[in-house]
C-alpha atoms as a PDB file:
ATOM      1  CA  MET A   1       2.383 216.069  45.503  1.00  0.00           C
ATOM      2  CA  LYS A   2      -0.520 217.693  43.711  1.00  0.00           C
ATOM      3  CA  THR A   3      -1.407 221.093  42.313  1.00  0.00           C
ATOM      4  CA  ILE A   4      -4.224 223.278  43.603  1.00  0.00           C
ATOM      5  CA  LYS A   5      -6.354 222.408  40.558  1.00  0.00           C
ATOM      6  CA  GLN A   6      -5.843 218.670  41.076  1.00  0.00           C
ATOM      7  CA  LEU A   7      -6.796 218.989  44.747  1.00  0.00           C
ATOM      8  CA  ALA A   8      -9.919 221.024  43.920  1.00  0.00           C
ATOM      9  CA  ASP A   9     -11.016 218.346  41.459  1.00  0.00           C
ATOM     10  CA  GLU A  10     -10.251 215.540  43.917  1.00  0.00           C
ATOM     11  CA  PHE A  11     -12.073 217.198  46.813  1.00  0.00           C
ATOM     12  CA  GLY A  12     -14.963 218.388  44.681  1.00  0.00           C
ATOM     13  CA  VAL A  13     -14.670 222.043  45.793  1.00  0.00           C
ATOM     14  CA  LYS A  14     -13.886 225.293  44.024  1.00  0.00           C
ATOM     15  CA  LYS A  15     -10.290 226.070  43.133  1.00  0.00           C
ATOM     16  CA  ASP A  16     -10.468 229.406  44.990  1.00  0.00           C
ATOM     17  CA  LYS A  17     -11.428 227.678  48.231  1.00  0.00           C
ATOM     18  CA  VAL A  18      -8.425 225.337  47.974  1.00  0.00           C
ATOM     19  CA  LYS A  19      -6.150 228.241  47.039  1.00  0.00           C
ATOM     20  CA  TYR A  20      -7.294 230.185  50.113  1.00  0.00           C
ATOM     21  CA  ARG A  21      -6.613 227.223  52.409  1.00  0.00           C
ATOM     22  CA  VAL A  22      -3.242 226.515  50.763  1.00  0.00           C
ATOM     23  CA  GLY A  23      -2.244 230.113  51.546  1.00  0.00           C
ATOM     24  CA  LYS A  24      -2.835 229.346  55.260  1.00  0.00           C
ATOM     25  CA  LEU A  25      -0.563 226.261  55.211  1.00  0.00           C
ATOM     26  CA  PRO A  26       3.040 226.447  56.483  1.00  0.00           C
ATOM     27  CA  GLU A  27       5.697 226.932  53.783  1.00  0.00           C
ATOM     28  CA  ASN A  28       7.308 223.541  54.497  1.00  0.00           C
ATOM     29  CA  LEU A  29       4.139 221.796  53.127  1.00  0.00           C
ATOM     30  CA  LEU A  30       4.353 223.637  49.797  1.00  0.00           C
ATOM     31  CA  VAL A  31       6.766 223.347  46.863  1.00  0.00           C
ATOM     32  CA  ASN A  32       7.029 226.040  44.197  1.00  0.00           C
ATOM     33  CA  ASP A  33       8.349 224.804  40.854  1.00  0.00           C
ATOM     34  CA  ARG A  34       8.439 227.213  37.878  1.00  0.00           C
ATOM     35  CA  GLY A  35       5.521 229.220  39.240  1.00  0.00           C
ATOM     36  CA  ILE A  36       3.342 226.187  39.984  1.00  0.00           C
ATOM     37  CA  THR A  37       2.483 225.515  43.632  1.00  0.00           C
ATOM     38  CA  TYR A  38       2.509 221.874  44.692  1.00  0.00           C
ATOM     39  CA  VAL A  39       1.176 220.639  48.020  1.00  0.00           C
ATOM     40  CA  THR A  40       3.027 217.783  49.758  1.00  0.00           C
ATOM     41  CA  ASP A  41       1.249 214.669  50.994  1.00  0.00           C
ATOM     42  CA  GLU A  42       1.224 216.028  54.561  1.00  0.00           C
ATOM     43  CA  GLY A  43      -0.287 219.264  53.269  1.00  0.00           C
ATOM     44  CA  ILE A  44      -2.944 217.328  51.400  1.00  0.00           C
ATOM     45  CA  GLU A  45      -3.966 215.591  54.639  1.00  0.00           C
ATOM     46  CA  GLN A  46      -4.194 218.936  56.462  1.00  0.00           C
ATOM     47  CA  LEU A  47      -6.276 220.412  53.633  1.00  0.00           C
ATOM     48  CA  ARG A  48      -8.552 217.399  53.776  1.00  0.00           C
ATOM     49  CA  ASP A  49      -9.146 218.079  57.483  1.00  0.00           C
ATOM     50  CA  LEU A  50      -9.605 221.837  56.954  1.00  0.00           C
ATOM     51  CA  LEU A  51     -12.078 221.407  54.119  1.00  0.00           C
ATOM     52  CA  GLY A  52     -13.936 218.576  55.843  1.00  0.00           C
ATOM     53  CA  VAL A  53     -13.468 216.199  52.927  1.00  0.00           C
ATOM     54  CA  LYS A  54     -14.018 212.497  53.571  1.00  0.00           C
ATOM     55  CA  THR A  55     -10.943 210.362  53.267  1.00  0.00           C
ATOM     56  CA  GLU A  56     -10.545 208.112  50.298  1.00  0.00           C
ATOM     57  CA  LYS A  57     -10.378 205.059  52.542  1.00  0.00           C
ATOM     58  CA  LYS A  58     -13.917 205.606  53.829  1.00  0.00           C
ATOM     59  CA  THR A  59     -15.134 206.203  50.304  1.00  0.00           C
ATOM     60  CA  GLU A  60     -13.408 203.039  49.100  1.00  0.00           C
ATOM     61  CA  GLU A  61     -14.948 201.021  51.927  1.00  0.00           C
ATOM     62  CA  PHE A  62     -18.373 202.458  51.154  1.00  0.00           C
ATOM     63  CA  THR A  63     -17.896 201.768  47.454  1.00  0.00           C
ATOM     64  CA  GLY A  64     -16.815 198.215  48.268  1.00  0.00           C
ATOM     65  CA  GLU A  65     -19.949 197.651  50.356  1.00  0.00           C
ATOM     66  CA  ILE A  66     -22.145 198.996  47.576  1.00  0.00           C
ATOM     67  CA  THR A  67     -20.369 196.838  45.017  1.00  0.00           C
ATOM     68  CA  ALA A  68     -20.790 193.750  47.191  1.00  0.00           C
ATOM     69  CA  SER A  69     -24.498 194.409  47.666  1.00  0.00           C
ATOM     70  CA  ILE A  70     -24.990 194.999  43.934  1.00  0.00           C
ATOM     71  CA  VAL A  71     -23.139 191.779  43.112  1.00  0.00           C
ATOM     72  CA  GLY A  72     -25.322 189.883  45.584  1.00  0.00           C
ATOM     73  CA  MET A  73     -28.484 191.368  44.123  1.00  0.00           C
ATOM     74  CA  LEU A  74     -27.383 190.531  40.565  1.00  0.00           C
ATOM     75  CA  ARG A  75     -26.593 186.945  41.588  1.00  0.00           C
ATOM     76  CA  ASP A  76     -30.087 186.572  43.048  1.00  0.00           C
ATOM     77  CA  GLU A  77     -31.639 187.954  39.865  1.00  0.00           C
ATOM     78  CA  LEU A  78     -29.514 185.628  37.755  1.00  0.00           C
ATOM     79  CA  ALA A  79     -30.625 182.626  39.795  1.00  0.00           C
ATOM     80  CA  ALA A  80     -34.275 183.666  39.364  1.00  0.00           C
ATOM     81  CA  LYS A  81     -33.797 184.057  35.603  1.00  0.00           C
ATOM     82  CA  ASN A  82     -32.154 180.620  35.419  1.00  0.00           C
ATOM     83  CA  ARG A  83     -35.173 179.099  37.200  1.00  0.00           C
ATOM     84  CA  GLN A  84     -37.499 180.841  34.743  1.00  0.00           C
ATOM     85  CA  ILE A  85     -35.500 179.496  31.814  1.00  0.00           C
ATOM     86  CA  GLU A  86     -35.666 175.964  33.239  1.00  0.00           C
ATOM     87  CA  ASP A  87     -39.445 176.248  33.733  1.00  0.00           C
ATOM     88  CA  LEU A  88     -39.966 177.566  30.208  1.00  0.00           C
ATOM     89  CA  THR A  89     -37.749 174.846  28.764  1.00  0.00           C
ATOM     90  CA  ALA A  90     -39.796 172.178  30.559  1.00  0.00           C
ATOM     91  CA  ALA A  91     -43.041 173.740  29.281  1.00  0.00           C
ATOM     92  CA  LEU A  92     -41.645 173.842  25.750  1.00  0.00           C
ATOM     93  CA  ARG A  93     -40.682 170.157  25.912  1.00  0.00           C
ATOM     94  CA  ALA A  94     -44.174 169.263  27.136  1.00  0.00           C
ATOM     95  CA  ALA A  95     -45.744 171.275  24.301  1.00  0.00           C
ATOM     96  CA  GLN A  96     -43.499 169.563  21.750  1.00  0.00           C
ATOM     97  CA  GLN A  97     -44.476 166.144  23.085  1.00  0.00           C
ATOM     98  CA  THR A  98     -48.160 167.100  22.915  1.00  0.00           C
ATOM     99  CA  ALA A  99     -47.749 168.351  19.350  1.00  0.00           C
ATOM    100  CA  ALA A 100     -45.954 165.147  18.349  1.00  0.00           C
ATOM    101  CA  ALA A 101     -48.735 163.038  19.889  1.00  0.00           C
ATOM    102  CA  ALA A 102     -51.400 165.096  18.102  1.00  0.00           C
ATOM    103  CA  GLN A 103     -49.516 164.709  14.824  1.00  0.00           C
ATOM    104  CA  ALA A 104     -49.281 160.962  15.285  1.00  0.00           C
ATOM    105  CA  LEU A 105     -52.988 160.764  16.114  1.00  0.00           C
ATOM    106  CA  HIS A 106     -53.885 162.812  13.049  1.00  0.00           C
ATOM    107  CA  ALA A 107     -51.678 160.646  10.839  1.00  0.00           C
ATOM    108  CA  ALA A 108     -53.340 157.520  12.213  1.00  0.00           C
ATOM    109  CA  THR A 109     -56.807 158.994  11.573  1.00  0.00           C
ATOM    110  CA  VAL A 110     -55.912 159.925   8.003  1.00  0.00           C
ATOM    111  CA  GLN A 111     -54.488 156.458   7.383  1.00  0.00           C
ATOM    112  CA  GLN A 112     -57.617 154.873   8.840  1.00  0.00           C
ATOM    113  CA  ASN A 113     -59.831 157.019   6.573  1.00  0.00           C
ATOM    114  CA  ILE A 114     -57.796 156.018   3.527  1.00  0.00           C
ATOM    115  CA  GLU A 115     -58.076 152.345   4.439  1.00  0.00           C
ATOM    116  CA  SER A 116     -61.827 152.580   5.087  1.00  0.00           C
ATOM    117  CA  ASP A 117     -62.339 154.310   1.701  1.00  0.00           C
ATOM    118  CA  ALA A 118     -60.391 151.528   0.007  1.00  0.00           C
ATOM    119  CA  VAL A 119     -62.524 148.881   1.774  1.00  0.00           C
ATOM    120  CA  LYS A 120     -65.718 150.689   0.730  1.00  0.00           C
ATOM    121  CA  GLN A 121     -64.499 150.721  -2.858  1.00  0.00           C
ATOM    122  CA  ARG A 122     -63.866 146.975  -2.705  1.00  0.00           C
ATOM    123  CA  GLU A 123     -67.243 146.297  -1.049  1.00  0.00           C
ATOM    124  CA  ARG A 124     -69.236 147.905  -3.861  1.00  0.00           C
ATOM    125  CA  GLY A 125     -70.358 145.785  -6.676  1.00  0.00           C
ATOM    126  CA  PHE A 126     -69.682 146.258 -10.333  1.00  0.00           C
ATOM    127  CA  PHE A 127     -72.577 148.655 -10.918  1.00  0.00           C
ATOM    128  CA  GLY A 128     -71.926 150.443  -7.619  1.00  0.00           C
ATOM    129  CA  ARG A 129     -68.435 151.264  -8.649  1.00  0.00           C
ATOM    130  CA  ILE A 130     -69.501 152.505 -12.044  1.00  0.00           C
ATOM    131  CA  PHE A 131     -72.367 154.603 -10.753  1.00  0.00           C
ATOM    132  CA  GLY A 132     -70.373 155.646  -7.666  1.00  0.00           C
ATOM    133  CA  LYS A 133     -67.673 157.127  -9.828  1.00  0.00           C
ATOM    134  CA  LYS A 134     -70.218 159.077 -11.828  1.00  0.00           C
ATOM    135  CA  GLU A 135     -71.744 160.459  -8.646  1.00  0.00           C
ATOM    136  CA  GLU A 136     -68.306 161.407  -7.261  1.00  0.00           C
ATOM    137  CA  SER A 137     -67.312 163.061 -10.539  1.00  0.00           C
ATOM    138  CA  ARG A 138     -70.558 165.063 -10.524  1.00  0.00           C
ATOM    139  CA  ASP A 139     -69.851 166.350  -6.993  1.00  0.00           C
ATOM    140  CA  ALA A 140     -66.362 167.460  -7.899  1.00  0.00           C
END
């Protein structure tokens, strides 16, 4: 059992419209309690027919279909995002490997330069080292 206000809210129509239709219903479908008019379940069904309101079952089925389609769409989007994450992770790993190889190559080049400078220092003679240091100190 529901009041006229509850039915108007449920049906999405004005309270006056429901009140008018309730006045047309037989007395056995109405209950008056302390000045408040309640409509029985049978009366609610008749009002639904009179006002042309869709039944809740159809609405629930429609809502269920919409929910299922939204869930399916979200699953597809999630799968696409997961593939993107996997692709980006693979690209990041490749970039890290390239950076590590470049670092190793640079370290090897620096080490080779240090060794070649040491060999050059050893290859110079006594006067070359003395005069070489003066020339290097002048440049700096």
